[in-house]
Amino acid sequence: MEDQSSPVWIRRLILHSKESLAMGRFHIFTDGGGAYRWRLVAPNGKIIADSGEGYTSKQSCLEGIAAVKAHAQGAEIVTDTPGIQA
């Protein structure tokens, strides 16, 4: 049953995340202080990214995930190491 308490775009984000499980998944959890955090878990179970910050609500955590998904695809790779090209 679909959760009707969340905005449509968040329900679509969750559905899309479930459908793309073979590519990895976002895992939302609460830390020891009660803040919401996310981890991006690869298909092999390894954590490949995390929120880096705690969110005060699950809603804001979901918005953080949506921002990563929106901005990561096609993001420029830069390096500050001289002589190394990205």
N, C-alpha and C. Protein backbone atom coordinates (compact mmCIF):
# COMPACT_ATOMS: atom_id res chain seq x y z
N MET A 1 0.84 -1.19 0.00
CA MET A 1 0.00 0.00 0.00
C MET A 1 0.88 1.25 0.00
N GLU A 2 0.56 2.19 -0.83
CA GLU A 2 1.35 3.41 -0.97
C GLU A 2 1.07 4.37 0.19
N ASP A 3 2.12 4.97 0.71
CA ASP A 3 2.00 5.95 1.79
C ASP A 3 1.47 7.25 1.23
N GLN A 4 0.25 7.62 1.59
CA GLN A 4 -0.38 8.82 1.05
C GLN A 4 -0.03 10.07 1.84
N SER A 5 0.76 9.93 2.94
CA SER A 5 1.08 11.09 3.75
C SER A 5 2.24 11.91 3.18
N SER A 6 2.99 11.35 2.24
CA SER A 6 4.12 12.05 1.64
C SER A 6 3.70 12.68 0.32
N PRO A 7 4.38 13.79 -0.06
CA PRO A 7 4.09 14.39 -1.37
C PRO A 7 4.33 13.39 -2.51
N VAL A 8 3.66 13.61 -3.62
CA VAL A 8 3.75 12.70 -4.77
C VAL A 8 5.20 12.50 -5.21
N TRP A 9 5.99 13.57 -5.29
CA TRP A 9 7.36 13.43 -5.79
C TRP A 9 8.20 12.54 -4.87
N ILE A 10 7.91 12.56 -3.57
CA ILE A 10 8.66 11.69 -2.66
C ILE A 10 8.22 10.25 -2.84
N ARG A 11 6.93 10.02 -3.03
CA ARG A 11 6.46 8.65 -3.28
C ARG A 11 7.08 8.12 -4.57
N ARG A 12 7.18 8.98 -5.59
CA ARG A 12 7.82 8.56 -6.85
C ARG A 12 9.30 8.27 -6.65
N LEU A 13 9.98 9.09 -5.84
CA LEU A 13 11.39 8.87 -5.53
C LEU A 13 11.57 7.52 -4.86
N ILE A 14 10.71 7.22 -3.90
CA ILE A 14 10.81 5.94 -3.19
C ILE A 14 10.54 4.79 -4.16
N LEU A 15 9.51 4.91 -4.98
CA LEU A 15 9.20 3.87 -5.95
C LEU A 15 10.35 3.68 -6.91
N HIS A 16 10.91 4.78 -7.43
CA HIS A 16 12.03 4.70 -8.36
C HIS A 16 13.23 4.05 -7.67
N SER A 17 13.47 4.37 -6.42
CA SER A 17 14.59 3.78 -5.69
C SER A 17 14.40 2.27 -5.56
N LYS A 18 13.16 1.82 -5.33
CA LYS A 18 12.89 0.39 -5.23
C LYS A 18 13.11 -0.29 -6.57
N GLU A 19 12.68 0.38 -7.66
CA GLU A 19 12.83 -0.20 -8.99
C GLU A 19 14.28 -0.29 -9.42
N SER A 20 15.14 0.60 -8.93
CA SER A 20 16.53 0.61 -9.33
C SER A 20 17.43 -0.07 -8.29
N LEU A 21 16.87 -1.04 -7.58
CA LEU A 21 17.61 -1.75 -6.55
C LEU A 21 18.87 -2.39 -7.10
N ALA A 22 18.85 -2.84 -8.36
CA ALA A 22 20.03 -3.47 -8.95
C ALA A 22 21.18 -2.47 -9.08
N MET A 23 20.88 -1.17 -9.07
CA MET A 23 21.91 -0.15 -9.18
C MET A 23 22.37 0.33 -7.82
N GLY A 24 21.73 -0.08 -6.78
CA GLY A 24 22.03 0.39 -5.44
C GLY A 24 20.77 0.87 -4.78
N ARG A 25 20.89 1.24 -3.51
CA ARG A 25 19.71 1.70 -2.80
C ARG A 25 20.10 2.73 -1.75
N PHE A 26 19.18 3.61 -1.44
CA PHE A 26 19.36 4.56 -0.35
C PHE A 26 18.75 3.94 0.90
N HIS A 27 19.51 3.90 1.96
CA HIS A 27 19.05 3.36 3.24
C HIS A 27 18.92 4.53 4.21
N ILE A 28 17.72 4.77 4.72
CA ILE A 28 17.47 5.83 5.70
C ILE A 28 17.46 5.20 7.08
N PHE A 29 18.12 5.84 8.02
CA PHE A 29 18.17 5.33 9.39
C PHE A 29 18.28 6.50 10.35
N THR A 30 18.09 6.24 11.63
CA THR A 30 18.29 7.27 12.64
C THR A 30 19.57 6.94 13.40
N ASP A 31 20.33 7.98 13.69
CA ASP A 31 21.59 7.81 14.41
C ASP A 31 21.33 7.82 15.92
N GLY A 32 22.38 7.72 16.70
CA GLY A 32 22.26 7.67 18.15
C GLY A 32 21.61 8.89 18.76
N GLY A 33 21.69 10.02 18.07
CA GLY A 33 21.08 11.26 18.57
C GLY A 33 19.66 11.47 18.07
N GLY A 34 19.14 10.51 17.30
CA GLY A 34 17.78 10.62 16.79
C GLY A 34 17.65 11.35 15.46
N ALA A 35 18.77 11.75 14.86
CA ALA A 35 18.72 12.43 13.56
C ALA A 35 18.59 11.40 12.44
N TYR A 36 17.92 11.79 11.37
CA TYR A 36 17.78 10.94 10.19
C TYR A 36 19.01 11.11 9.31
N ARG A 37 19.50 10.00 8.80
CA ARG A 37 20.64 9.99 7.89
C ARG A 37 20.36 9.00 6.77
N TRP A 38 21.12 9.12 5.67
CA TRP A 38 21.00 8.14 4.60
C TRP A 38 22.36 7.61 4.21
N ARG A 39 22.34 6.41 3.67
CA ARG A 39 23.52 5.78 3.08
C ARG A 39 23.13 5.30 1.69
N LEU A 40 24.06 5.43 0.73
CA LEU A 40 23.86 4.84 -0.59
C LEU A 40 24.63 3.52 -0.58
N VAL A 41 23.90 2.43 -0.74
CA VAL A 41 24.49 1.09 -0.65
C VAL A 41 24.53 0.47 -2.04
N ALA A 42 25.72 0.02 -2.45
CA ALA A 42 25.90 -0.62 -3.75
C ALA A 42 25.25 -2.01 -3.74
N PRO A 43 25.02 -2.59 -4.92
CA PRO A 43 24.42 -3.93 -4.97
C PRO A 43 25.20 -4.99 -4.20
N ASN A 44 26.52 -4.77 -4.04
CA ASN A 44 27.33 -5.74 -3.29
C ASN A 44 27.27 -5.51 -1.78
N GLY A 45 26.46 -4.54 -1.33
CA GLY A 45 26.29 -4.28 0.09
C GLY A 45 27.24 -3.26 0.68
N LYS A 46 28.17 -2.76 -0.10
CA LYS A 46 29.13 -1.77 0.40
C LYS A 46 28.53 -0.38 0.38
N ILE A 47 28.80 0.39 1.42
CA ILE A 47 28.35 1.78 1.50
C ILE A 47 29.27 2.61 0.62
N ILE A 48 28.69 3.32 -0.35
CA ILE A 48 29.50 4.10 -1.27
C ILE A 48 29.33 5.60 -1.08
N ALA A 49 28.34 6.02 -0.30
CA ALA A 49 28.15 7.44 0.02
C ALA A 49 27.24 7.52 1.24
N ASP A 50 27.32 8.66 1.94
CA ASP A 50 26.41 8.88 3.06
C ASP A 50 26.05 10.36 3.13
N SER A 51 25.06 10.65 3.96
CA SER A 51 24.53 12.01 4.03
C SER A 51 25.53 13.01 4.59
N GLY A 52 26.44 12.57 5.43
CA GLY A 52 27.42 13.47 5.99
C GLY A 52 26.85 14.42 7.04
N GLU A 53 25.56 14.41 7.20
CA GLU A 53 24.90 15.26 8.20
C GLU A 53 23.63 14.58 8.64
N GLY A 54 23.15 14.94 9.82
CA GLY A 54 21.88 14.44 10.31
C GLY A 54 20.77 15.41 9.97
N TYR A 55 19.59 14.90 9.67
CA TYR A 55 18.42 15.71 9.36
C TYR A 55 17.44 15.61 10.52
N THR A 56 16.72 16.68 10.77
CA THR A 56 15.78 16.71 11.89
C THR A 56 14.48 15.98 11.59
N SER A 57 14.19 15.74 10.31
CA SER A 57 12.96 15.02 9.95
C SER A 57 13.24 14.06 8.81
N LYS A 58 12.40 13.04 8.71
CA LYS A 58 12.52 12.10 7.61
C LYS A 58 12.28 12.81 6.28
N GLN A 59 11.34 13.76 6.28
CA GLN A 59 11.04 14.54 5.09
C GLN A 59 12.29 15.25 4.56
N SER A 60 13.03 15.91 5.44
CA SER A 60 14.23 16.63 4.98
C SER A 60 15.31 15.65 4.54
N CYS A 61 15.36 14.47 5.14
CA CYS A 61 16.30 13.44 4.69
C CYS A 61 15.95 12.98 3.28
N LEU A 62 14.67 12.76 3.01
CA LEU A 62 14.21 12.39 1.67
C LEU A 62 14.52 13.49 0.66
N GLU A 63 14.39 14.74 1.07
CA GLU A 63 14.73 15.85 0.19
C GLU A 63 16.23 15.87 -0.11
N GLY A 64 17.05 15.51 0.88
CA GLY A 64 18.50 15.41 0.66
C GLY A 64 18.83 14.33 -0.36
N ILE A 65 18.14 13.19 -0.26
CA ILE A 65 18.34 12.12 -1.24
C ILE A 65 17.92 12.59 -2.63
N ALA A 66 16.80 13.27 -2.71
CA ALA A 66 16.32 13.78 -4.01
C ALA A 66 17.33 14.75 -4.61
N ALA A 67 17.95 15.59 -3.78
CA ALA A 67 18.95 16.54 -4.27
C ALA A 67 20.16 15.81 -4.81
N VAL A 68 20.61 14.78 -4.12
CA VAL A 68 21.76 13.99 -4.60
C VAL A 68 21.42 13.35 -5.94
N LYS A 69 20.24 12.74 -6.02
CA LYS A 69 19.85 12.09 -7.27
C LYS A 69 19.75 13.09 -8.42
N ALA A 70 19.27 14.29 -8.13
CA ALA A 70 19.11 15.29 -9.17
C ALA A 70 20.43 15.87 -9.64
N HIS A 71 21.39 16.03 -8.73
CA HIS A 71 22.63 16.72 -9.06
C HIS A 71 23.80 15.80 -9.36
N ALA A 72 23.73 14.54 -8.98
CA ALA A 72 24.87 13.63 -9.17
C ALA A 72 25.02 13.19 -10.61
N GLN A 73 23.91 12.94 -11.27
CA GLN A 73 23.98 12.49 -12.66
C GLN A 73 24.53 13.60 -13.53
N GLY A 74 25.63 13.34 -14.17
CA GLY A 74 26.26 14.33 -15.03
C GLY A 74 27.11 15.35 -14.31
N ALA A 75 27.33 15.15 -13.00
CA ALA A 75 28.15 16.09 -12.24
C ALA A 75 29.59 16.06 -12.73
N GLU A 76 30.19 17.22 -12.74
CA GLU A 76 31.59 17.35 -13.16
C GLU A 76 32.51 16.73 -12.11
N ILE A 77 33.56 16.08 -12.57
CA ILE A 77 34.58 15.54 -11.68
C ILE A 77 35.75 16.49 -11.70
N VAL A 78 36.17 16.98 -10.55
CA VAL A 78 37.29 17.90 -10.45
C VAL A 78 38.32 17.34 -9.46
N THR A 79 39.55 17.77 -9.62
CA THR A 79 40.60 17.35 -8.72
C THR A 79 41.46 18.57 -8.39
N ASP A 80 42.01 18.58 -7.19
CA ASP A 80 42.91 19.66 -6.83
C ASP A 80 44.36 19.16 -6.73
N THR A 81 44.58 17.95 -7.27
CA THR A 81 45.91 17.37 -7.29
C THR A 81 46.61 17.76 -8.58
N PRO A 82 47.73 18.53 -8.50
CA PRO A 82 48.44 18.94 -9.71
C PRO A 82 48.88 17.75 -10.55
N GLY A 83 48.69 17.86 -11.86
CA GLY A 83 49.13 16.83 -12.78
C GLY A 83 48.17 15.66 -12.93
N ILE A 84 47.11 15.64 -12.16
CA ILE A 84 46.11 14.57 -12.26
C ILE A 84 44.87 15.13 -12.92
N GLN A 85 44.46 14.51 -14.03
CA GLN A 85 43.24 14.95 -14.69
C GLN A 85 42.10 14.04 -14.28
N ALA A 86 40.95 14.63 -14.07
CA ALA A 86 39.78 13.83 -13.68
C ALA A 86 39.19 13.13 -14.87
